[in-house]
C-alpha atoms as a PDB file:
ATOM      1  CA  MET A   1     -36.692 -33.625 -94.569  1.00  0.00           C
ATOM      2  CA  PRO A   2     -38.842 -30.532 -95.164  1.00  0.00           C
ATOM      3  CA  ILE A   3     -37.172 -27.162 -95.512  1.00  0.00           C
ATOM      4  CA  ASN A   4     -38.009 -24.792 -92.655  1.00  0.00           C
ATOM      5  CA  LEU A   5     -38.276 -21.206 -93.837  1.00  0.00           C
ATOM      6  CA  THR A   6     -38.105 -17.878 -92.047  1.00  0.00           C
ATOM      7  CA  LYS A   7     -40.002 -14.746 -93.022  1.00  0.00           C
ATOM      8  CA  GLY A   8     -39.120 -13.659 -96.549  1.00  0.00           C
ATOM      9  CA  GLN A   9     -37.268 -16.833 -97.529  1.00  0.00           C
ATOM     10  CA  ALA A  10     -38.180 -18.734-100.694  1.00  0.00           C
ATOM     11  CA  VAL A  11     -37.521 -22.155-102.190  1.00  0.00           C
ATOM     12  CA  ASP A  12     -38.143 -23.617-105.651  1.00  0.00           C
ATOM     13  CA  PHE A  13     -40.291 -26.719-105.998  1.00  0.00           C
ATOM     14  CA  SER A  14     -38.427 -29.419-107.908  1.00  0.00           C
ATOM     15  CA  LYS A  15     -40.465 -31.470-110.378  1.00  0.00           C
ATOM     16  CA  ASP A  16     -37.750 -34.138-110.238  1.00  0.00           C
ATOM     17  CA  ALA A  17     -37.862 -34.522-106.464  1.00  0.00           C
ATOM     18  CA  HIS A  18     -41.579 -34.012-105.799  1.00  0.00           C
ATOM     19  CA  ASP A  19     -44.975 -34.922-107.233  1.00  0.00           C
ATOM     20  CA  LEU A  20     -46.462 -31.526-108.062  1.00  0.00           C
ATOM     21  CA  ASP A  21     -49.547 -32.826-109.833  1.00  0.00           C
ATOM     22  CA  GLN A  22     -51.291 -32.099-106.543  1.00  0.00           C
ATOM     23  CA  ILE A  23     -49.862 -30.251-103.566  1.00  0.00           C
ATOM     24  CA  THR A  24     -51.644 -29.542-100.316  1.00  0.00           C
ATOM     25  CA  ILE A  25     -51.161 -26.205 -98.613  1.00  0.00           C
ATOM     26  CA  GLY A  26     -51.875 -27.008 -94.984  1.00  0.00           C
ATOM     27  CA  LEU A  27     -52.480 -24.404 -92.309  1.00  0.00           C
ATOM     28  CA  GLY A  28     -52.557 -25.080 -88.595  1.00  0.00           C
ATOM     29  CA  TRP A  29     -52.718 -23.093 -85.379  1.00  0.00           C
ATOM     30  CA  THR A  30     -53.036 -23.360 -81.626  1.00  0.00           C
ATOM     31  CA  VAL A  31     -54.587 -20.784 -79.322  1.00  0.00           C
ATOM     32  CA  LYS A  32     -52.782 -19.717 -76.146  1.00  0.00           C
ATOM     33  CA  GLU A  33     -54.175 -20.906 -72.846  1.00  0.00           C
ATOM     34  CA  LYS A  34     -54.785 -18.813 -69.769  1.00  0.00           C
ATOM     35  CA  ARG A  35     -55.103 -20.269 -66.285  1.00  0.00           C
ATOM     36  CA  ILE A  36     -57.877 -19.572 -63.833  1.00  0.00           C
ATOM     37  CA  GLY A  37     -56.784 -21.325 -60.678  1.00  0.00           C
ATOM     38  CA  ALA A  38     -55.682 -24.782 -61.811  1.00  0.00           C
ATOM     39  CA  VAL A  39     -57.923 -24.816 -64.879  1.00  0.00           C
ATOM     40  CA  ALA A  40     -56.526 -24.015 -68.328  1.00  0.00           C
ATOM     41  CA  THR A  41     -58.909 -22.238 -70.690  1.00  0.00           C
ATOM     42  CA  VAL A  42     -58.577 -20.747 -74.133  1.00  0.00           C
ATOM     43  CA  SER A  43     -57.732 -17.059 -73.994  1.00  0.00           C
ATOM     44  CA  THR A  44     -60.218 -14.880 -75.855  1.00  0.00           C
ATOM     45  CA  GLN A  45     -59.815 -11.639 -73.880  1.00  0.00           C
ATOM     46  CA  GLY A  46     -63.433 -10.788 -73.193  1.00  0.00           C
ATOM     47  CA  ASP A  47     -65.799 -12.622 -75.497  1.00  0.00           C
ATOM     48  CA  GLU A  48     -65.669 -16.401 -74.937  1.00  0.00           C
ATOM     49  CA  ALA A  49     -66.432 -17.220 -78.587  1.00  0.00           C
ATOM     50  CA  GLU A  50     -64.249 -19.838 -80.231  1.00  0.00           C
ATOM     51  CA  PHE A  51     -61.482 -18.744 -82.577  1.00  0.00           C
ATOM     52  CA  ASP A  52     -62.683 -19.244 -86.155  1.00  0.00           C
ATOM     53  CA  LEU A  53     -59.726 -18.897 -88.525  1.00  0.00           C
ATOM     54  CA  ASP A  54     -60.414 -19.116 -92.240  1.00  0.00           C
ATOM     55  CA  ALA A  55     -57.969 -19.961 -95.036  1.00  0.00           C
ATOM     56  CA  ILE A  56     -58.229 -18.086 -98.329  1.00  0.00           C
ATOM     57  CA  ALA A  57     -56.381 -18.203-101.665  1.00  0.00           C
ATOM     58  CA  PHE A  58     -56.106 -15.378-104.212  1.00  0.00           C
ATOM     59  CA  LEU A  59     -55.181 -16.396-107.758  1.00  0.00           C
ATOM     60  CA  LEU A  60     -53.313 -13.512-109.422  1.00  0.00           C
ATOM     61  CA  ASP A  61     -52.531 -12.885-113.087  1.00  0.00           C
ATOM     62  CA  LYS A  62     -49.218 -11.684-114.555  1.00  0.00           C
ATOM     63  CA  ASP A  63     -50.052  -8.146-113.362  1.00  0.00           C
ATOM     64  CA  ASN A  64     -50.620  -9.444-109.803  1.00  0.00           C
ATOM     65  CA  LYS A  65     -54.352  -8.767-110.023  1.00  0.00           C
ATOM     66  CA  VAL A  66     -57.494 -10.759-109.237  1.00  0.00           C
ATOM     67  CA  ARG A  67     -59.262 -10.447-112.591  1.00  0.00           C
ATOM     68  CA  ASN A  68     -62.360 -12.527-111.923  1.00  0.00           C
ATOM     69  CA  ARG A  69     -64.195 -11.496-108.765  1.00  0.00           C
ATOM     70  CA  GLY A  70     -67.079 -13.890-109.349  1.00  0.00           C
ATOM     71  CA  ASP A  71     -70.541 -12.774-108.278  1.00  0.00           C
ATOM     72  CA  ALA A  72     -71.495 -10.176-105.670  1.00  0.00           C
ATOM     73  CA  LYS A  73     -70.540 -12.630-102.903  1.00  0.00           C
ATOM     74  CA  LEU A  74     -67.187 -13.497-104.570  1.00  0.00           C
ATOM     75  CA  VAL A  75     -68.464 -16.945-105.498  1.00  0.00           C
ATOM     76  CA  GLY A  76     -67.123 -18.513-108.682  1.00  0.00           C
ATOM     77  CA  GLY A  77     -64.103 -16.255-109.153  1.00  0.00           C
ATOM     78  CA  ASP A  78     -60.377 -16.160-108.478  1.00  0.00           C
ATOM     79  CA  VAL A  79     -60.805 -16.098-104.682  1.00  0.00           C
ATOM     80  CA  VAL A  80     -61.083 -19.558-103.111  1.00  0.00           C
ATOM     81  CA  PHE A  81     -62.533 -19.613 -99.590  1.00  0.00           C
ATOM     82  CA  PHE A  82     -65.170 -21.353 -97.447  1.00  0.00           C
ATOM     83  CA  ASN A  83     -68.101 -19.994 -99.519  1.00  0.00           C
ATOM     84  CA  SER A  84     -66.439 -20.643-102.891  1.00  0.00           C
ATOM     85  CA  ARG A  85     -64.436 -23.787-102.390  1.00  0.00           C
ATOM     86  CA  VAL A  86     -63.498 -24.769-105.942  1.00  0.00           C
ATOM     87  CA  HIS A  87     -61.839 -22.471-108.473  1.00  0.00           C
ATOM     88  CA  PRO A  88     -63.533 -22.395-111.921  1.00  0.00           C
ATOM     89  CA  SER A  89     -60.440 -24.096-113.407  1.00  0.00           C
ATOM     90  CA  GLY A  90     -60.833 -26.994-110.973  1.00  0.00           C
ATOM     91  CA  THR A  91     -57.175 -26.669-109.969  1.00  0.00           C
ATOM     92  CA  VAL A  92     -57.576 -25.077-106.507  1.00  0.00           C
ATOM     93  CA  THR A  93     -59.897 -26.530-103.864  1.00  0.00           C
ATOM     94  CA  HIS A  94     -60.631 -25.475-100.267  1.00  0.00           C
ATOM     95  CA  SER A  95     -61.054 -28.200 -97.636  1.00  0.00           C
ATOM     96  CA  GLY A  96     -64.004 -26.464 -95.964  1.00  0.00           C
ATOM     97  CA  ASP A  97     -64.419 -24.346 -92.855  1.00  0.00           C
ATOM     98  CA  ASN A  98     -62.910 -25.675 -89.614  1.00  0.00           C
ATOM     99  CA  ARG A  99     -64.417 -23.768 -86.693  1.00  0.00           C
ATOM    100  CA  THR A 100     -62.287 -25.254 -83.929  1.00  0.00           C
ATOM    101  CA  GLY A 101     -58.631 -25.686 -84.948  1.00  0.00           C
ATOM    102  CA  GLY A 102     -55.618 -26.136 -82.767  1.00  0.00           C
ATOM    103  CA  THR A 103     -55.518 -29.769 -81.634  1.00  0.00           C
ATOM    104  CA  GLY A 104     -52.655 -32.132 -82.314  1.00  0.00           C
ATOM    105  CA  GLU A 105     -50.258 -32.405 -85.243  1.00  0.00           C
ATOM    106  CA  ARG A 106     -52.659 -31.941 -88.127  1.00  0.00           C
ATOM    107  CA  ASP A 107     -53.714 -29.247 -90.542  1.00  0.00           C
ATOM    108  CA  ASP A 108     -56.718 -27.247 -89.413  1.00  0.00           C
ATOM    109  CA  GLU A 109     -57.560 -26.175 -92.952  1.00  0.00           C
ATOM    110  CA  GLN A 110     -56.155 -27.155 -96.324  1.00  0.00           C
ATOM    111  CA  ILE A 111     -56.113 -25.752 -99.832  1.00  0.00           C
ATOM    112  CA  VAL A 112     -55.277 -28.319-102.498  1.00  0.00           C
ATOM    113  CA  VAL A 113     -53.578 -27.069-105.681  1.00  0.00           C
ATOM    114  CA  ARG A 114     -53.076 -29.106-108.853  1.00  0.00           C
ATOM    115  CA  LEU A 115     -49.924 -27.131-109.444  1.00  0.00           C
ATOM    116  CA  ASN A 116     -48.942 -28.609-112.803  1.00  0.00           C
ATOM    117  CA  SER A 117     -52.412 -27.855-114.183  1.00  0.00           C
ATOM    118  CA  VAL A 118     -52.932 -24.253-113.008  1.00  0.00           C
ATOM    119  CA  PRO A 119     -53.784 -22.244-116.161  1.00  0.00           C
ATOM    120  CA  MET A 120     -50.904 -20.175-117.513  1.00  0.00           C
ATOM    121  CA  GLU A 121     -52.902 -16.967-117.019  1.00  0.00           C
ATOM    122  CA  TYR A 122     -52.267 -17.270-113.270  1.00  0.00           C
ATOM    123  CA  ASN A 123     -48.818 -16.252-112.066  1.00  0.00           C
ATOM    124  CA  ARG A 124     -49.134 -16.265-108.264  1.00  0.00           C
ATOM    125  CA  ILE A 125     -51.359 -17.796-105.600  1.00  0.00           C
ATOM    126  CA  LEU A 126     -51.490 -16.041-102.222  1.00  0.00           C
ATOM    127  CA  PHE A 127     -52.507 -17.896 -99.046  1.00  0.00           C
ATOM    128  CA  LEU A 128     -54.131 -15.930 -96.210  1.00  0.00           C
ATOM    129  CA  VAL A 129     -55.768 -16.644 -92.876  1.00  0.00           C
ATOM    130  CA  SER A 130     -58.353 -14.345 -91.283  1.00  0.00           C
ATOM    131  CA  ILE A 131     -59.923 -14.516 -87.813  1.00  0.00           C
ATOM    132  CA  TYR A 132     -63.659 -14.364 -88.455  1.00  0.00           C
ATOM    133  CA  GLN A 133     -65.204 -11.480 -86.474  1.00  0.00           C
ATOM    134  CA  GLY A 134     -61.894 -11.094 -84.664  1.00  0.00           C
ATOM    135  CA  ILE A 135     -62.459  -7.412 -83.959  1.00  0.00           C
ATOM    136  CA  LYS A 136     -65.926  -8.059 -82.509  1.00  0.00           C
ATOM    137  CA  HIS A 137     -64.639 -10.823 -80.229  1.00  0.00           C
ATOM    138  CA  GLY A 138     -61.366  -9.126 -79.273  1.00  0.00           C
ATOM    139  CA  GLN A 139     -59.362 -11.898 -80.930  1.00  0.00           C
ATOM    140  CA  HIS A 140     -56.083 -11.436 -82.798  1.00  0.00           C
ATOM    141  CA  PHE A 141     -52.900 -13.222 -83.860  1.00  0.00           C
ATOM    142  CA  GLY A 142     -51.104 -12.097 -80.707  1.00  0.00           C
ATOM    143  CA  GLN A 143     -53.254 -14.707 -78.928  1.00  0.00           C
ATOM    144  CA  ILE A 144     -52.240 -17.524 -81.262  1.00  0.00           C
ATOM    145  CA  GLY A 145     -49.657 -19.686 -79.519  1.00  0.00           C
ATOM    146  CA  SER A 146     -48.235 -20.994 -82.802  1.00  0.00           C
ATOM    147  CA  ALA A 147     -49.262 -21.256 -86.423  1.00  0.00           C
ATOM    148  CA  TYR A 148     -47.769 -22.661 -89.594  1.00  0.00           C
ATOM    149  CA  ILE A 149     -48.201 -23.060 -93.326  1.00  0.00           C
ATOM    150  CA  ARG A 150     -46.705 -26.059 -95.101  1.00  0.00           C
ATOM    151  CA  ALA A 151     -46.679 -27.605 -98.571  1.00  0.00           C
ATOM    152  CA  VAL A 152     -47.101 -31.360 -99.019  1.00  0.00           C
ATOM    153  CA  ASP A 153     -46.613 -33.022-102.406  1.00  0.00           C
ATOM    154  CA  GLY A 154     -48.828 -35.590-104.113  1.00  0.00           C
ATOM    155  CA  ARG A 155     -47.012 -38.471-102.407  1.00  0.00           C
ATOM    156  CA  GLY A 156     -47.647 -37.030 -98.950  1.00  0.00           C
ATOM    157  CA  GLN A 157     -44.089 -35.760 -98.552  1.00  0.00           C
ATOM    158  CA  GLU A 158     -43.791 -32.435 -96.751  1.00  0.00           C
ATOM    159  CA  ILE A 159     -41.683 -30.117 -98.907  1.00  0.00           C
ATOM    160  CA  VAL A 160     -41.537 -26.905 -96.929  1.00  0.00           C
ATOM    161  CA  ARG A 161     -42.880 -25.351 -93.725  1.00  0.00           C
ATOM    162  CA  TYR A 162     -43.056 -21.836 -92.341  1.00  0.00           C
ATOM    163  CA  SER A 163     -43.839 -21.587 -88.629  1.00  0.00           C
ATOM    164  CA  LEU A 164     -45.066 -18.412 -87.017  1.00  0.00           C
ATOM    165  CA  SER A 165     -44.518 -17.902 -83.299  1.00  0.00           C
ATOM    166  CA  SER A 166     -46.587 -15.376 -81.408  1.00  0.00           C
ATOM    167  CA  ALA A 167     -44.952 -11.979 -81.228  1.00  0.00           C
ATOM    168  CA  ALA A 168     -45.808  -8.485 -80.069  1.00  0.00           C
ATOM    169  CA  ALA A 169     -45.951  -7.415 -83.718  1.00  0.00           C
ATOM    170  CA  TYR A 170     -49.107  -9.507 -84.177  1.00  0.00           C
ATOM    171  CA  GLU A 171     -51.070  -7.943 -81.321  1.00  0.00           C
ATOM    172  CA  GLY A 172     -54.332  -6.579 -82.698  1.00  0.00           C
ATOM    173  CA  GLN A 173     -53.726  -8.126 -86.137  1.00  0.00           C
ATOM    174  CA  CYS A 174     -56.605 -10.264 -87.444  1.00  0.00           C
ATOM    175  CA  THR A 175     -55.519 -11.212 -90.970  1.00  0.00           C
ATOM    176  CA  MET A 176     -52.238 -12.880 -91.936  1.00  0.00           C
ATOM    177  CA  LEU A 177     -50.752 -13.221 -95.421  1.00  0.00           C
ATOM    178  CA  PHE A 178     -48.836 -16.423 -94.734  1.00  0.00           C
ATOM    179  CA  GLY A 179     -47.176 -17.272 -98.025  1.00  0.00           C
ATOM    180  CA  GLU A 180     -47.409 -17.702-101.777  1.00  0.00           C
ATOM    181  CA  VAL A 181     -46.485 -19.893-104.703  1.00  0.00           C
ATOM    182  CA  SER A 182     -45.412 -18.144-107.909  1.00  0.00           C
ATOM    183  CA  ARG A 183     -44.119 -19.094-111.338  1.00  0.00           C
ATOM    184  CA  HIS A 184     -40.397 -18.765-112.013  1.00  0.00           C
ATOM    185  CA  GLY A 185     -39.620 -19.927-115.531  1.00  0.00           C
ATOM    186  CA  GLN A 186     -40.731 -23.537-115.789  1.00  0.00           C
ATOM    187  CA  CYS A 187     -40.974 -24.092-112.026  1.00  0.00           C
ATOM    188  CA  TRP A 188     -42.937 -22.833-109.044  1.00  0.00           C
ATOM    189  CA  ARG A 189     -41.450 -21.102-106.015  1.00  0.00           C
ATOM    190  CA  PHE A 190     -42.826 -21.010-102.464  1.00  0.00           C
ATOM    191  CA  ARG A 191     -42.162 -17.887-100.369  1.00  0.00           C
ATOM    192  CA  ALA A 192     -42.848 -17.316 -96.664  1.00  0.00           C
ATOM    193  CA  ILE A 193     -44.436 -13.885 -96.124  1.00  0.00           C
ATOM    194  CA  GLY A 194     -45.901 -13.503 -92.608  1.00  0.00           C
ATOM    195  CA  ASP A 195     -47.396 -10.011 -93.070  1.00  0.00           C
ATOM    196  CA  ALA A 196     -50.206  -9.111 -90.660  1.00  0.00           C
ATOM    197  CA  TYR A 197     -53.104  -6.669 -90.951  1.00  0.00           C
ATOM    198  CA  PRO A 198     -55.590  -5.256 -88.415  1.00  0.00           C
ATOM    199  CA  TYR A 199     -58.840  -6.058 -90.261  1.00  0.00           C
ATOM    200  CA  ASP A 200     -60.718  -9.315 -89.813  1.00  0.00           C
ATOM    201  CA  SER A 201     -62.010  -9.753 -93.364  1.00  0.00           C
ATOM    202  CA  PHE A 202     -59.903 -10.717 -96.369  1.00  0.00           C
ATOM    203  CA  VAL A 203     -62.020  -8.379 -98.503  1.00  0.00           C
ATOM    204  CA  HIS A 204     -59.980  -5.397 -97.270  1.00  0.00           C
ATOM    205  CA  LEU A 205     -56.768  -6.975 -98.544  1.00  0.00           C
ATOM    206  CA  LEU A 206     -58.467  -8.145-101.733  1.00  0.00           C
ATOM    207  CA  LYS A 207     -59.084  -4.519-102.715  1.00  0.00           C
ATOM    208  CA  GLU A 208     -55.304  -4.074-103.086  1.00  0.00           C
ATOM    209  CA  TYR A 209     -55.272  -6.784-105.769  1.00  0.00           C
ATOM    210  CA  LEU A 210     -58.266  -5.698-107.856  1.00  0.00           C
ATOM    211  CA  PRO A 211     -57.696  -3.960-111.210  1.00  0.00           C
ATOM    212  CA  ASN A 212     -58.110  -0.179-111.148  1.00  0.00           C
END
């Protein structure tokens, strides 16, 4: 059975119990419905654009910094996202942009990590989700009915899950730092974070992790 975490909790990944040659970080979400008469529609509060949530990974060094920004568009560096889907090391891969999300028991986006092969220069990997143009469309995490991040090992066994229910604290927040994996001695540890931010681009948060 997977371990269900709450905000701030952490768990070590066991090499004996799980295949860590490749783990999948899956992210999923559903958007709240509003009813107009007897018809249920997706709530977007103004603009009727679809919710477009994007998963991102930051690979951090021992000083908790993103050392390689890649080119001017952040392609080819230590940020893995829909425009730069494979890390230069080949150990972190983005599944691609899902512009719909929120149907059934499946991941809406995935980031695959070859955990045992991540170069030693990287100490932490952060996993974020941003609502693309959320501010423009009046969309935020307060409108997300539920969301989760989970880790699945190379045999397809779910190791851990962190579920995020909608709460007043997420009103107006368009970027979510969901969780991280980090090195602890010879093993990796997963931690649930659940910190929200008002901007709708991960670049704002990235600035906090760039070297001075």
